[in-house]
Amino acid sequence: MDLTGLIILLVIGAVAGWLAGTLMKGRGFGLLGNIVVGIVGAVIGGFVFSFLGITAGGIIGLIVTATVGAALLLFIISIIKKA
């Protein structure tokens, strides 16, 4: 992965993590937390979308995929924390 790809990955992760944090908890998790949640969410979202046969194209599609995955991640974490 080159430097440009890494920067794009970090920006998409930060945006997706912030969006998911805003949707699920009403706030973000700070820059580093948003990046981590967004990147892990991108992996989860990619798996779920491919399982459903949905392909995401372009930057907006990647952000949507990562945000959905990050929201799922935060939802699962909230269930585990309550148990």
N, C-alpha and C. Protein backbone atom coordinates (compact mmCIF):
# COMPACT_ATOMS: atom_id res chain seq x y z
N MET A 1 0.86 -1.18 0.00
CA MET A 1 0.00 0.00 0.00
C MET A 1 0.90 1.23 0.00
N ASP A 2 0.59 2.13 -0.89
CA ASP A 2 1.38 3.35 -0.96
C ASP A 2 0.84 4.39 0.01
N LEU A 3 1.51 5.52 0.08
CA LEU A 3 1.14 6.58 1.04
C LEU A 3 -0.26 7.13 0.75
N THR A 4 -0.61 7.30 -0.50
CA THR A 4 -1.93 7.82 -0.85
C THR A 4 -3.03 6.87 -0.40
N GLY A 5 -2.84 5.58 -0.63
CA GLY A 5 -3.82 4.58 -0.19
C GLY A 5 -3.99 4.57 1.32
N LEU A 6 -2.87 4.72 2.03
CA LEU A 6 -2.93 4.75 3.50
C LEU A 6 -3.68 5.98 3.99
N ILE A 7 -3.43 7.11 3.38
CA ILE A 7 -4.13 8.35 3.78
C ILE A 7 -5.62 8.23 3.50
N ILE A 8 -5.99 7.67 2.35
CA ILE A 8 -7.41 7.48 2.02
C ILE A 8 -8.06 6.54 3.02
N LEU A 9 -7.37 5.45 3.37
CA LEU A 9 -7.88 4.50 4.36
C LEU A 9 -8.13 5.19 5.70
N LEU A 10 -7.20 6.00 6.14
CA LEU A 10 -7.34 6.68 7.42
C LEU A 10 -8.47 7.71 7.39
N VAL A 11 -8.60 8.44 6.28
CA VAL A 11 -9.67 9.45 6.18
C VAL A 11 -11.04 8.78 6.14
N ILE A 12 -11.18 7.71 5.34
CA ILE A 12 -12.46 7.00 5.29
C ILE A 12 -12.77 6.39 6.65
N GLY A 13 -11.77 5.83 7.31
CA GLY A 13 -11.97 5.28 8.65
C GLY A 13 -12.42 6.33 9.64
N ALA A 14 -11.79 7.50 9.58
CA ALA A 14 -12.15 8.58 10.51
C ALA A 14 -13.57 9.07 10.26
N VAL A 15 -13.93 9.26 9.00
CA VAL A 15 -15.28 9.73 8.67
C VAL A 15 -16.32 8.70 9.07
N ALA A 16 -16.07 7.44 8.71
CA ALA A 16 -17.04 6.37 9.02
C ALA A 16 -17.16 6.19 10.53
N GLY A 17 -16.06 6.22 11.25
CA GLY A 17 -16.11 6.08 12.71
C GLY A 17 -16.85 7.24 13.36
N TRP A 18 -16.64 8.44 12.86
CA TRP A 18 -17.35 9.60 13.41
C TRP A 18 -18.85 9.50 13.12
N LEU A 19 -19.20 9.13 11.90
CA LEU A 19 -20.62 8.99 11.55
C LEU A 19 -21.29 7.91 12.40
N ALA A 20 -20.63 6.77 12.54
CA ALA A 20 -21.22 5.69 13.34
C ALA A 20 -21.32 6.08 14.80
N GLY A 21 -20.30 6.75 15.32
CA GLY A 21 -20.36 7.21 16.71
C GLY A 21 -21.47 8.21 16.93
N THR A 22 -21.68 9.07 15.96
CA THR A 22 -22.76 10.05 16.04
C THR A 22 -24.13 9.37 15.97
N LEU A 23 -24.26 8.39 15.09
CA LEU A 23 -25.54 7.69 14.94
C LEU A 23 -25.85 6.81 16.16
N MET A 24 -24.87 6.15 16.70
CA MET A 24 -25.11 5.15 17.74
C MET A 24 -25.07 5.72 19.16
N LYS A 25 -24.22 6.66 19.42
CA LYS A 25 -24.07 7.16 20.78
C LYS A 25 -24.30 8.65 20.90
N GLY A 26 -24.42 9.33 19.80
CA GLY A 26 -24.65 10.77 19.85
C GLY A 26 -23.39 11.59 19.88
N ARG A 27 -22.20 10.92 19.80
CA ARG A 27 -20.94 11.66 19.80
C ARG A 27 -19.88 10.78 19.15
N GLY A 28 -18.75 11.38 18.83
CA GLY A 28 -17.64 10.63 18.27
C GLY A 28 -16.74 10.09 19.37
N PHE A 29 -15.63 9.48 18.99
CA PHE A 29 -14.72 8.87 19.94
C PHE A 29 -13.33 9.48 19.89
N GLY A 30 -13.18 10.65 19.33
CA GLY A 30 -11.87 11.23 19.14
C GLY A 30 -11.28 10.72 17.84
N LEU A 31 -10.25 11.37 17.37
CA LEU A 31 -9.71 11.05 16.05
C LEU A 31 -9.20 9.62 15.97
N LEU A 32 -8.39 9.19 16.89
CA LEU A 32 -7.83 7.84 16.84
C LEU A 32 -8.91 6.78 17.01
N GLY A 33 -9.83 6.99 17.94
CA GLY A 33 -10.93 6.05 18.16
C GLY A 33 -11.82 5.94 16.94
N ASN A 34 -12.12 7.07 16.29
CA ASN A 34 -12.93 7.05 15.08
C ASN A 34 -12.25 6.29 13.96
N ILE A 35 -10.94 6.47 13.82
CA ILE A 35 -10.21 5.77 12.77
C ILE A 35 -10.26 4.26 13.00
N VAL A 36 -10.02 3.84 14.24
CA VAL A 36 -10.03 2.40 14.55
C VAL A 36 -11.42 1.81 14.33
N VAL A 37 -12.44 2.47 14.85
CA VAL A 37 -13.82 1.98 14.68
C VAL A 37 -14.18 1.96 13.20
N GLY A 38 -13.79 2.97 12.45
CA GLY A 38 -14.11 3.03 11.02
C GLY A 38 -13.40 1.95 10.21
N ILE A 39 -12.13 1.67 10.51
CA ILE A 39 -11.40 0.65 9.76
C ILE A 39 -11.94 -0.74 10.08
N VAL A 40 -12.17 -1.03 11.35
CA VAL A 40 -12.76 -2.33 11.71
C VAL A 40 -14.17 -2.42 11.13
N GLY A 41 -14.91 -1.32 11.16
CA GLY A 41 -16.25 -1.29 10.58
C GLY A 41 -16.23 -1.52 9.08
N ALA A 42 -15.20 -1.03 8.40
CA ALA A 42 -15.09 -1.26 6.96
C ALA A 42 -14.94 -2.74 6.65
N VAL A 43 -14.16 -3.43 7.48
CA VAL A 43 -14.00 -4.88 7.28
C VAL A 43 -15.33 -5.59 7.52
N ILE A 44 -16.01 -5.25 8.61
CA ILE A 44 -17.30 -5.87 8.93
C ILE A 44 -18.33 -5.54 7.85
N GLY A 45 -18.40 -4.26 7.48
CA GLY A 45 -19.35 -3.84 6.45
C GLY A 45 -19.08 -4.51 5.11
N GLY A 46 -17.82 -4.64 4.75
CA GLY A 46 -17.48 -5.32 3.51
C GLY A 46 -17.91 -6.77 3.52
N PHE A 47 -17.73 -7.44 4.66
CA PHE A 47 -18.16 -8.83 4.78
C PHE A 47 -19.68 -8.94 4.68
N VAL A 48 -20.40 -8.09 5.41
CA VAL A 48 -21.86 -8.15 5.41
C VAL A 48 -22.41 -7.81 4.02
N PHE A 49 -21.89 -6.76 3.40
CA PHE A 49 -22.39 -6.37 2.08
C PHE A 49 -22.09 -7.44 1.04
N SER A 50 -20.91 -8.06 1.10
CA SER A 50 -20.61 -9.12 0.13
C SER A 50 -21.49 -10.34 0.37
N PHE A 51 -21.80 -10.62 1.63
CA PHE A 51 -22.71 -11.73 1.95
C PHE A 51 -24.09 -11.49 1.36
N LEU A 52 -24.53 -10.23 1.37
CA LEU A 52 -25.83 -9.87 0.83
C LEU A 52 -25.81 -9.64 -0.68
N GLY A 53 -24.63 -9.69 -1.28
CA GLY A 53 -24.50 -9.49 -2.72
C GLY A 53 -24.50 -8.04 -3.15
N ILE A 54 -24.20 -7.13 -2.23
CA ILE A 54 -24.19 -5.70 -2.52
C ILE A 54 -22.74 -5.26 -2.73
N THR A 55 -22.50 -4.51 -3.80
CA THR A 55 -21.17 -3.99 -4.04
C THR A 55 -21.20 -2.47 -3.89
N ALA A 56 -20.18 -1.94 -3.25
CA ALA A 56 -20.08 -0.50 -3.03
C ALA A 56 -19.04 0.06 -3.99
N GLY A 57 -19.41 1.06 -4.74
CA GLY A 57 -18.49 1.67 -5.68
C GLY A 57 -18.21 3.12 -5.31
N GLY A 58 -17.00 3.54 -5.50
CA GLY A 58 -16.62 4.92 -5.27
C GLY A 58 -16.40 5.22 -3.80
N ILE A 59 -15.98 6.42 -3.54
CA ILE A 59 -15.67 6.85 -2.18
C ILE A 59 -16.91 6.87 -1.31
N ILE A 60 -18.03 7.36 -1.83
CA ILE A 60 -19.26 7.41 -1.04
C ILE A 60 -19.71 6.00 -0.67
N GLY A 61 -19.62 5.07 -1.60
CA GLY A 61 -19.98 3.68 -1.30
C GLY A 61 -19.09 3.08 -0.23
N LEU A 62 -17.80 3.40 -0.27
CA LEU A 62 -16.88 2.91 0.76
C LEU A 62 -17.21 3.50 2.13
N ILE A 63 -17.55 4.77 2.15
CA ILE A 63 -17.91 5.42 3.43
C ILE A 63 -19.20 4.82 3.97
N VAL A 64 -20.18 4.57 3.10
CA VAL A 64 -21.44 3.96 3.54
C VAL A 64 -21.18 2.56 4.09
N THR A 65 -20.40 1.77 3.37
CA THR A 65 -20.07 0.42 3.82
C THR A 65 -19.37 0.44 5.17
N ALA A 66 -18.37 1.30 5.31
CA ALA A 66 -17.63 1.39 6.56
C ALA A 66 -18.50 1.91 7.70
N THR A 67 -19.39 2.84 7.41
CA THR A 67 -20.27 3.39 8.44
C THR A 67 -21.27 2.34 8.92
N VAL A 68 -21.85 1.58 8.00
CA VAL A 68 -22.78 0.52 8.39
C VAL A 68 -22.06 -0.53 9.23
N GLY A 69 -20.87 -0.92 8.80
CA GLY A 69 -20.10 -1.89 9.57
C GLY A 69 -19.70 -1.36 10.94
N ALA A 70 -19.31 -0.09 11.02
CA ALA A 70 -18.94 0.50 12.30
C ALA A 70 -20.14 0.61 13.23
N ALA A 71 -21.30 0.94 12.67
CA ALA A 71 -22.52 0.99 13.50
C ALA A 71 -22.86 -0.39 14.03
N LEU A 72 -22.71 -1.43 13.19
CA LEU A 72 -22.92 -2.81 13.66
C LEU A 72 -21.94 -3.16 14.77
N LEU A 73 -20.68 -2.76 14.59
CA LEU A 73 -19.67 -3.02 15.61
C LEU A 73 -20.05 -2.35 16.93
N LEU A 74 -20.45 -1.09 16.88
CA LEU A 74 -20.82 -0.38 18.11
C LEU A 74 -22.07 -0.98 18.74
N PHE A 75 -23.01 -1.45 17.92
CA PHE A 75 -24.21 -2.10 18.44
C PHE A 75 -23.86 -3.39 19.18
N ILE A 76 -22.99 -4.19 18.58
CA ILE A 76 -22.57 -5.44 19.22
C ILE A 76 -21.81 -5.15 20.51
N ILE A 77 -20.96 -4.14 20.49
CA ILE A 77 -20.21 -3.77 21.71
C ILE A 77 -21.16 -3.32 22.80
N SER A 78 -22.21 -2.57 22.43
CA SER A 78 -23.16 -2.11 23.46
C SER A 78 -23.93 -3.27 24.06
N ILE A 79 -24.26 -4.29 23.25
CA ILE A 79 -24.95 -5.47 23.78
C ILE A 79 -24.03 -6.24 24.74
N ILE A 80 -22.76 -6.38 24.37
CA ILE A 80 -21.82 -7.09 25.22
C ILE A 80 -21.60 -6.36 26.53
N LYS A 81 -21.51 -5.03 26.47
CA LYS A 81 -21.29 -4.25 27.70
C LYS A 81 -22.48 -4.34 28.66
N LYS A 82 -23.70 -4.49 28.13
CA LYS A 82 -24.89 -4.60 28.99
C LYS A 82 -24.99 -5.95 29.65
N ALA A 83 -24.42 -6.98 29.03
CA ALA A 83 -24.52 -8.34 29.57
C ALA A 83 -23.57 -8.58 30.72
